[in-house]
C-alpha cells in the first residue's frame, strides 16, 4: 500500500487535472466545475458527479448519476477500481471528454 504523502500528491494531481481538463474541453460550458476541500463537483443538466479523495482507504471515490458509486485505487499510475474500471475511461464515456493524463 502506498504511503499517505504519495497518495495525497497523486490524488490532488488527478483531481486538479480532471477539473482543469473538463473546464478547457467543455467549450460549450455545459459542465459546472467546482473544486474545493478535496472534492470535485461536476454539474450538468440535472446530474451531479462527486469525485473526492478518501485518505483512510487511499482511494478516489466517484458518485456518478449514470453508473453509480465507484472506488479507485492507484495502480501503476492509473486510477483503477477493483474490477479494472479506469477512472478516466469511465468519465470520458459519461462526460464525452477526451482525457490524456500522463
N, C-alpha and C. Protein backbone atom coordinates (compact mmCIF):
# COMPACT_ATOMS: atom_id res chain seq x y z
N UNK A 1 0.85 -1.19 0.00
CA UNK A 1 0.00 0.00 0.00
C UNK A 1 0.89 1.25 0.00
N UNK A 2 0.47 2.25 -0.75
CA UNK A 2 1.27 3.48 -0.84
C UNK A 2 1.15 4.29 0.45
N UNK A 3 2.17 5.10 0.71
CA UNK A 3 2.10 5.92 1.92
C UNK A 3 1.18 7.12 1.69
N UNK A 4 0.80 7.74 2.78
CA UNK A 4 -0.19 8.81 2.73
C UNK A 4 0.29 10.01 1.91
N UNK A 5 1.56 10.36 2.02
CA UNK A 5 2.10 11.50 1.30
C UNK A 5 2.01 11.30 -0.22
N UNK A 6 2.40 10.12 -0.68
CA UNK A 6 2.33 9.81 -2.11
C UNK A 6 0.88 9.78 -2.58
N UNK A 7 -0.01 9.18 -1.76
CA UNK A 7 -1.42 9.15 -2.11
C UNK A 7 -1.98 10.57 -2.27
N UNK A 8 -1.73 11.41 -1.28
CA UNK A 8 -2.28 12.77 -1.33
C UNK A 8 -1.76 13.54 -2.54
N UNK A 9 -0.49 13.39 -2.85
CA UNK A 9 0.08 14.07 -4.02
C UNK A 9 -0.59 13.57 -5.30
N UNK A 10 -0.73 12.26 -5.45
CA UNK A 10 -1.35 11.69 -6.65
C UNK A 10 -2.83 12.03 -6.73
N UNK A 11 -3.53 12.01 -5.60
CA UNK A 11 -4.96 12.31 -5.58
C UNK A 11 -5.20 13.78 -5.94
N UNK A 12 -4.42 14.67 -5.36
CA UNK A 12 -4.57 16.09 -5.69
C UNK A 12 -4.25 16.35 -7.16
N UNK A 13 -3.25 15.65 -7.67
CA UNK A 13 -2.88 15.82 -9.07
C UNK A 13 -4.01 15.41 -10.01
N UNK A 14 -4.64 14.25 -9.75
CA UNK A 14 -5.71 13.79 -10.64
C UNK A 14 -6.95 14.67 -10.49
N UNK A 15 -7.28 15.10 -9.30
CA UNK A 15 -8.46 15.96 -9.13
C UNK A 15 -8.26 17.30 -9.82
N UNK A 16 -7.07 17.88 -9.68
CA UNK A 16 -6.77 19.14 -10.38
C UNK A 16 -6.82 18.94 -11.88
N UNK A 17 -6.22 17.84 -12.35
CA UNK A 17 -6.22 17.53 -13.78
C UNK A 17 -7.65 17.40 -14.31
N UNK A 18 -8.49 16.66 -13.60
CA UNK A 18 -9.87 16.49 -14.04
C UNK A 18 -10.59 17.83 -14.14
N UNK A 19 -10.51 18.62 -13.09
CA UNK A 19 -11.18 19.92 -13.11
C UNK A 19 -10.68 20.82 -14.23
N UNK A 20 -9.36 20.91 -14.39
CA UNK A 20 -8.78 21.76 -15.43
C UNK A 20 -9.15 21.27 -16.83
N UNK A 21 -9.06 19.97 -17.05
CA UNK A 21 -9.34 19.40 -18.37
C UNK A 21 -10.81 19.56 -18.74
N UNK A 22 -11.69 19.29 -17.79
CA UNK A 22 -13.12 19.44 -18.07
C UNK A 22 -13.44 20.89 -18.42
N UNK A 23 -12.90 21.82 -17.66
CA UNK A 23 -13.15 23.23 -17.96
C UNK A 23 -12.62 23.63 -19.32
N UNK A 24 -11.46 23.13 -19.72
CA UNK A 24 -10.90 23.52 -21.01
C UNK A 24 -11.55 22.78 -22.18
N UNK A 25 -11.96 21.54 -21.98
CA UNK A 25 -12.56 20.75 -23.07
C UNK A 25 -14.05 21.01 -23.24
N UNK A 26 -14.69 21.49 -22.21
CA UNK A 26 -16.14 21.76 -22.27
C UNK A 26 -16.35 23.14 -22.89
N UNK A 27 -16.16 23.22 -24.20
CA UNK A 27 -16.20 24.51 -24.90
C UNK A 27 -17.58 25.14 -24.91
N UNK A 28 -18.61 24.33 -24.73
CA UNK A 28 -19.98 24.88 -24.70
C UNK A 28 -20.41 25.29 -23.30
N UNK A 29 -19.58 24.99 -22.31
CA UNK A 29 -19.87 25.41 -20.94
C UNK A 29 -21.07 24.72 -20.31
N UNK A 30 -21.29 23.45 -20.63
CA UNK A 30 -22.45 22.75 -20.08
C UNK A 30 -22.15 22.08 -18.74
N UNK A 31 -20.86 21.97 -18.39
CA UNK A 31 -20.48 21.33 -17.12
C UNK A 31 -19.97 22.40 -16.16
N UNK A 32 -20.63 22.51 -15.03
CA UNK A 32 -20.19 23.44 -13.98
C UNK A 32 -19.21 22.69 -13.09
N UNK A 33 -17.98 23.18 -13.02
CA UNK A 33 -16.92 22.54 -12.25
C UNK A 33 -16.68 23.33 -10.97
N UNK A 34 -16.74 22.65 -9.84
CA UNK A 34 -16.48 23.28 -8.55
C UNK A 34 -15.53 22.36 -7.77
N UNK A 35 -14.33 22.88 -7.47
CA UNK A 35 -13.34 22.08 -6.75
C UNK A 35 -12.87 22.82 -5.53
N UNK A 36 -13.00 22.18 -4.39
CA UNK A 36 -12.52 22.75 -3.14
C UNK A 36 -12.55 21.72 -2.03
N UNK A 37 -11.65 21.85 -1.09
CA UNK A 37 -11.56 20.94 0.06
C UNK A 37 -11.46 19.48 -0.35
N UNK A 38 -10.77 19.22 -1.47
CA UNK A 38 -10.57 17.85 -1.91
C UNK A 38 -11.76 17.19 -2.56
N UNK A 39 -12.77 17.99 -2.89
CA UNK A 39 -13.99 17.46 -3.51
C UNK A 39 -14.23 18.17 -4.83
N UNK A 40 -14.38 17.39 -5.89
CA UNK A 40 -14.67 17.91 -7.22
C UNK A 40 -16.13 17.61 -7.54
N UNK A 41 -16.93 18.67 -7.70
CA UNK A 41 -18.33 18.53 -8.07
C UNK A 41 -18.50 18.95 -9.52
N UNK A 42 -19.18 18.12 -10.28
CA UNK A 42 -19.47 18.40 -11.68
C UNK A 42 -20.98 18.39 -11.84
N UNK A 43 -21.52 19.50 -12.33
CA UNK A 43 -22.97 19.59 -12.51
C UNK A 43 -23.27 19.82 -13.98
N UNK A 44 -24.13 18.99 -14.53
CA UNK A 44 -24.58 19.17 -15.89
C UNK A 44 -26.02 18.69 -15.99
N UNK A 45 -26.82 19.49 -16.65
CA UNK A 45 -28.26 19.23 -16.71
C UNK A 45 -28.76 19.01 -15.28
N UNK A 46 -29.42 17.91 -15.04
CA UNK A 46 -29.90 17.59 -13.69
C UNK A 46 -29.04 16.54 -13.02
N UNK A 47 -27.80 16.39 -13.49
CA UNK A 47 -26.90 15.37 -12.98
C UNK A 47 -25.75 16.00 -12.19
N UNK A 48 -25.38 15.35 -11.10
CA UNK A 48 -24.25 15.81 -10.30
C UNK A 48 -23.29 14.65 -10.07
N UNK A 49 -22.03 14.87 -10.42
CA UNK A 49 -20.95 13.93 -10.14
C UNK A 49 -20.17 14.47 -8.96
N UNK A 50 -19.80 13.60 -8.04
CA UNK A 50 -18.96 13.99 -6.92
C UNK A 50 -17.74 13.07 -6.94
N UNK A 51 -16.56 13.69 -6.99
CA UNK A 51 -15.31 12.94 -7.02
C UNK A 51 -14.45 13.47 -5.87
N UNK A 52 -14.04 12.58 -4.98
CA UNK A 52 -13.24 13.04 -3.84
C UNK A 52 -12.20 12.01 -3.46
N UNK A 53 -11.24 12.47 -2.70
CA UNK A 53 -10.21 11.56 -2.20
C UNK A 53 -10.64 11.05 -0.83
N UNK A 54 -10.37 9.79 -0.60
CA UNK A 54 -10.65 9.17 0.68
C UNK A 54 -9.33 8.69 1.24
N UNK A 55 -8.74 9.52 2.10
CA UNK A 55 -7.38 9.26 2.59
C UNK A 55 -7.25 7.97 3.38
N UNK A 56 -8.24 7.63 4.18
CA UNK A 56 -8.14 6.43 5.00
C UNK A 56 -8.03 5.17 4.13
N UNK A 57 -8.79 5.13 3.04
CA UNK A 57 -8.75 3.98 2.13
C UNK A 57 -7.72 4.15 1.03
N UNK A 58 -7.16 5.36 0.93
CA UNK A 58 -6.22 5.71 -0.15
C UNK A 58 -6.85 5.44 -1.52
N UNK A 59 -8.06 5.98 -1.67
CA UNK A 59 -8.83 5.81 -2.90
C UNK A 59 -9.44 7.13 -3.35
N UNK A 60 -9.76 7.19 -4.63
CA UNK A 60 -10.59 8.25 -5.18
C UNK A 60 -11.99 7.67 -5.28
N UNK A 61 -12.96 8.37 -4.73
CA UNK A 61 -14.34 7.90 -4.78
C UNK A 61 -15.11 8.74 -5.78
N UNK A 62 -15.93 8.08 -6.57
CA UNK A 62 -16.77 8.74 -7.56
C UNK A 62 -18.22 8.35 -7.32
N UNK A 63 -19.08 9.35 -7.24
CA UNK A 63 -20.53 9.12 -7.23
C UNK A 63 -21.02 9.63 -8.58
N UNK A 64 -21.45 8.71 -9.43
CA UNK A 64 -21.91 9.05 -10.77
C UNK A 64 -23.42 8.89 -10.85
N UNK A 65 -24.12 9.86 -11.44
CA UNK A 65 -25.57 9.72 -11.60
C UNK A 65 -25.93 8.69 -12.69
N UNK A 66 -24.94 8.26 -13.45
CA UNK A 66 -25.19 7.30 -14.52
C UNK A 66 -24.79 5.88 -14.10
N UNK A 67 -23.57 5.72 -13.63
CA UNK A 67 -23.06 4.37 -13.33
C UNK A 67 -22.99 4.05 -11.84
N UNK A 68 -23.33 5.00 -10.98
CA UNK A 68 -23.35 4.74 -9.55
C UNK A 68 -22.02 5.01 -8.86
N UNK A 69 -21.84 4.43 -7.68
CA UNK A 69 -20.62 4.67 -6.90
C UNK A 69 -19.46 3.80 -7.36
N UNK A 70 -18.25 4.37 -7.28
CA UNK A 70 -17.03 3.65 -7.64
C UNK A 70 -15.91 4.06 -6.68
N UNK A 71 -15.00 3.13 -6.44
CA UNK A 71 -13.80 3.40 -5.64
C UNK A 71 -12.60 3.03 -6.51
N UNK A 72 -11.63 3.95 -6.61
CA UNK A 72 -10.47 3.75 -7.46
C UNK A 72 -9.19 3.86 -6.64
N UNK A 73 -8.32 2.88 -6.81
CA UNK A 73 -7.00 2.90 -6.18
C UNK A 73 -5.94 3.17 -7.23
N UNK A 74 -4.80 3.64 -6.79
CA UNK A 74 -3.70 3.94 -7.70
C UNK A 74 -2.94 2.66 -8.03
N UNK A 75 -2.99 2.26 -9.30
CA UNK A 75 -2.33 1.04 -9.77
C UNK A 75 -1.49 1.41 -10.99
N UNK A 76 -0.18 1.34 -10.85
CA UNK A 76 0.74 1.67 -11.94
C UNK A 76 0.41 3.02 -12.59
N UNK A 77 0.26 4.02 -11.74
CA UNK A 77 -0.02 5.41 -12.15
C UNK A 77 -1.37 5.61 -12.82
N UNK A 78 -2.29 4.68 -12.64
CA UNK A 78 -3.65 4.84 -13.14
C UNK A 78 -4.62 4.57 -12.00
N UNK A 79 -5.73 5.28 -12.03
CA UNK A 79 -6.75 5.10 -11.01
C UNK A 79 -7.73 4.05 -11.50
N UNK A 80 -7.70 2.87 -10.85
CA UNK A 80 -8.49 1.72 -11.28
C UNK A 80 -9.34 1.19 -10.12
N UNK A 81 -10.55 0.71 -10.49
CA UNK A 81 -11.39 0.06 -9.49
C UNK A 81 -10.93 -1.39 -9.35
N UNK A 82 -11.47 -2.08 -8.36
CA UNK A 82 -11.09 -3.49 -8.15
C UNK A 82 -11.49 -4.37 -9.32
N UNK A 83 -12.52 -3.96 -10.08
CA UNK A 83 -12.92 -4.77 -11.24
C UNK A 83 -12.22 -4.32 -12.53
N UNK A 84 -11.26 -3.37 -12.40
CA UNK A 84 -10.46 -2.96 -13.55
C UNK A 84 -10.94 -1.73 -14.29
N UNK A 85 -12.04 -1.16 -13.86
CA UNK A 85 -12.54 0.06 -14.49
C UNK A 85 -11.56 1.20 -14.25
N UNK A 86 -11.24 1.93 -15.30
CA UNK A 86 -10.33 3.07 -15.23
C UNK A 86 -11.15 4.34 -15.03
N UNK A 87 -10.77 5.14 -14.05
CA UNK A 87 -11.48 6.38 -13.74
C UNK A 87 -11.62 7.28 -14.96
N UNK A 88 -10.51 7.52 -15.67
CA UNK A 88 -10.55 8.43 -16.81
C UNK A 88 -11.37 7.87 -17.96
N UNK A 89 -11.29 6.57 -18.19
CA UNK A 89 -12.09 5.97 -19.26
C UNK A 89 -13.58 6.07 -18.95
N UNK A 90 -13.95 5.83 -17.72
CA UNK A 90 -15.34 5.93 -17.30
C UNK A 90 -15.86 7.35 -17.50
N UNK A 91 -15.08 8.33 -17.01
CA UNK A 91 -15.51 9.72 -17.15
C UNK A 91 -15.49 10.18 -18.61
N UNK A 92 -14.57 9.66 -19.40
CA UNK A 92 -14.53 10.00 -20.83
C UNK A 92 -15.84 9.61 -21.50
N UNK A 93 -16.32 8.42 -21.20
CA UNK A 93 -17.56 7.93 -21.79
C UNK A 93 -18.75 8.73 -21.28
N UNK A 94 -18.83 8.90 -19.97
CA UNK A 94 -20.01 9.55 -19.39
C UNK A 94 -20.06 11.05 -19.68
N UNK A 95 -18.91 11.72 -19.68
CA UNK A 95 -18.89 13.17 -19.90
C UNK A 95 -18.59 13.54 -21.34
N UNK A 96 -18.22 12.55 -22.15
CA UNK A 96 -17.85 12.77 -23.55
C UNK A 96 -16.70 13.77 -23.67
N UNK A 97 -15.66 13.54 -22.84
CA UNK A 97 -14.46 14.35 -22.85
C UNK A 97 -13.26 13.43 -23.00
N UNK A 98 -12.32 13.82 -23.83
CA UNK A 98 -11.13 13.01 -24.05
C UNK A 98 -10.05 13.42 -23.06
N UNK A 99 -9.68 12.49 -22.17
CA UNK A 99 -8.63 12.74 -21.21
C UNK A 99 -7.34 12.09 -21.68
N UNK A 100 -6.23 12.80 -21.58
CA UNK A 100 -4.93 12.24 -21.95
C UNK A 100 -3.94 12.47 -20.82
N UNK A 101 -4.24 11.91 -19.68
CA UNK A 101 -3.47 12.09 -18.46
C UNK A 101 -2.19 11.28 -18.50
N UNK A 102 -1.10 11.89 -18.11
CA UNK A 102 0.18 11.18 -18.06
C UNK A 102 0.71 11.23 -16.65
